[in-house]
Amino acid sequence: MAGVLLPMRRFHPMDRDTDLLLPLSVQDWLSKGHLARYVVEVVEGLDLGVLVQAYDGTGSTPYHPAMLFWRC
């Protein structure tokens, strides 16, 4: 049935004129003194070498151990 248009009720409507709904960077959302910036700074200062070396390399691609701390 080439050339037959099917009803589009199963799909979300497209609007190519809408700008992005989210900022390109999370940094754009956070003020200079936001607590999240401090948490990132503290986690970056931790020695996570033991956790990195303990990973045996099996399974799917892991997240860096630092992700375990700032996601809490």
Protein backbone atom coordinates (compact mmCIF):
# COMPACT_ATOMS: atom_id res chain seq x y z
CA MET A 1 0.00 0.00 0.00
CA ALA A 2 2.59 2.53 -1.02
CA GLY A 3 1.48 6.11 -0.81
CA VAL A 4 -1.25 5.49 1.77
CA LEU A 5 -0.94 7.72 4.85
CA LEU A 6 -1.75 6.04 8.13
CA PRO A 7 -3.39 7.94 11.01
CA MET A 8 -0.76 9.40 13.38
CA ARG A 9 -2.69 9.04 16.64
CA ARG A 10 -0.10 6.62 18.15
CA PHE A 11 2.68 9.19 18.08
CA HIS A 12 3.41 12.38 19.94
CA PRO A 13 2.97 15.39 17.70
CA MET A 14 6.16 16.90 16.28
CA ASP A 15 6.96 20.54 16.87
CA ARG A 16 10.29 21.46 15.34
CA ASP A 17 9.88 25.11 16.27
CA THR A 18 10.12 24.52 20.04
CA ASP A 19 13.46 25.42 21.61
CA LEU A 20 15.20 23.01 23.97
CA LEU A 21 13.25 22.52 27.17
CA LEU A 22 16.33 21.89 29.31
CA PRO A 23 19.62 23.77 29.49
CA LEU A 24 22.57 22.25 27.69
CA SER A 25 24.47 21.96 30.99
CA VAL A 26 23.38 21.23 34.56
CA GLN A 27 25.85 23.96 35.54
CA ASP A 28 23.38 26.46 34.05
CA TRP A 29 20.81 25.44 36.69
CA LEU A 30 23.01 25.79 39.75
CA SER A 31 23.91 29.05 41.42
CA LYS A 32 27.56 29.66 42.32
CA GLY A 33 27.00 28.82 46.00
CA HIS A 34 24.74 25.78 45.49
CA LEU A 35 25.37 22.83 47.82
CA ALA A 36 25.70 20.44 44.86
CA ARG A 37 28.85 22.27 43.73
CA TYR A 38 30.38 21.71 47.18
CA VAL A 39 29.47 18.00 47.13
CA VAL A 40 31.15 17.58 43.72
CA GLU A 41 34.24 19.35 45.02
CA VAL A 42 34.44 17.06 48.07
CA VAL A 43 33.95 13.88 46.00
CA GLU A 44 36.64 14.99 43.53
CA GLY A 45 39.02 15.31 46.50
CA LEU A 46 38.45 11.74 47.72
CA ASP A 47 41.01 9.03 47.04
CA LEU A 48 38.93 6.45 45.17
CA GLY A 49 41.93 4.44 43.97
CA VAL A 50 41.04 1.42 46.10
CA LEU A 51 37.56 1.24 44.57
CA VAL A 52 38.88 1.72 41.04
CA GLN A 53 41.44 -1.05 41.48
CA ALA A 54 38.90 -3.39 43.09
CA TYR A 55 36.82 -3.45 39.91
CA ASP A 56 37.60 -6.67 38.07
CA GLY A 57 36.42 -5.57 34.63
CA THR A 58 33.55 -8.01 34.19
CA GLY A 59 30.02 -7.19 33.19
CA SER A 60 28.79 -4.15 31.35
CA THR A 61 30.54 -0.80 31.29
CA PRO A 62 30.59 0.50 34.87
CA TYR A 63 30.07 3.96 36.26
CA HIS A 64 33.07 5.58 37.89
CA PRO A 65 33.06 5.12 41.70
CA ALA A 66 32.69 8.89 42.13
CA MET A 67 29.17 8.52 40.70
CA LEU A 68 28.30 6.33 43.69
CA PHE A 69 28.98 9.18 46.07
CA TRP A 70 27.39 12.19 44.45
CA ARG A 71 24.21 10.31 43.53
CA CYS A 72 23.45 9.55 47.19
